[in-house]
């Protein structure tokens, strides 16, 4: 029997959230790095940095010609009537411009190839110490002038509460398809925050995803907890050219500001979960989110291995 076969009600919940009257800061109960330097392309020093800080960066994961290919695919998706009408496409609140396209590796074969690229999936396998599947994928457009913020949050809190992800054994990669500046809404992470789970307040309403994908409120930390983490760990802002990438642990506290500059900040975002950590029923929600947001197909990502 695998984790995915066990009902959530039969599992001990080490990360209770959205149940109690007060928020709580809880110690992490899971490993951060499950593999070693011999298991993939990440060297020992970088793996140790991931263990300590919860993230790593790759200055040039994609070559300029590859970046242009993915940018062209972004433009194609943006103009495709079928994509615009698809429920997997989320519009910005207010402007109506595209905010995100979910399950992009199934919408686009171009991005499906990126998911299978050993430079991408190989690093995920190494960190998680197992085969992996795609829990979620999307492209984020964050257009100039109208790109809204993504408030502070831990992805794992949402995936645990609403998707039934049992343990902290997932990793995200954000690959820049435009230059990330200090002024166009770049990713911010509190380094070291992945060692602390923030239990949030508020009962999860039915179909919460319909609002949370545009602007999340339930499942966001209280300001006192955020202040404690920020003063303890500080905040790092990620900048870099198109083609650079950031990988970060599922429990990192992160967010990004809105973009009021003329310069868009587009990226492709892929979440890999260990096949040994398949989702069960939600721990703090009345029902599952749609599969295009939280996959229920736990088939491992195929593709060549890079060591």
Foldseek 3Di string as FASTA:
>chain_A
DFPQVDAPVPDDAQFAAQPDPDKDKHFAPDQFFDAACVQAPDHHVQLVQCRQFFKGKFQFQDDPVLLVVVVVVVVVLQPDPVNLPDPQWDAAPPPRHTFKRKPVLVVDVSVVVVCQPQSHQQVLCRRLVAFWDWFIKMKGKLAAQRRAKFDWAQQVLCCQAAVQQRHQRKKKKKAWSAWFDPAFWFKKWQTRQLRIHMHYHHAQAPPNVNPVVNPDDGRHHDPVVVVVSCVVRNMDGDGHGGNMMMMGTRGITMMIHHHRHNGITMIMMTMIGHLSRQGHFGPGHPGHDDCSGGNNDGDGRDHDHHD
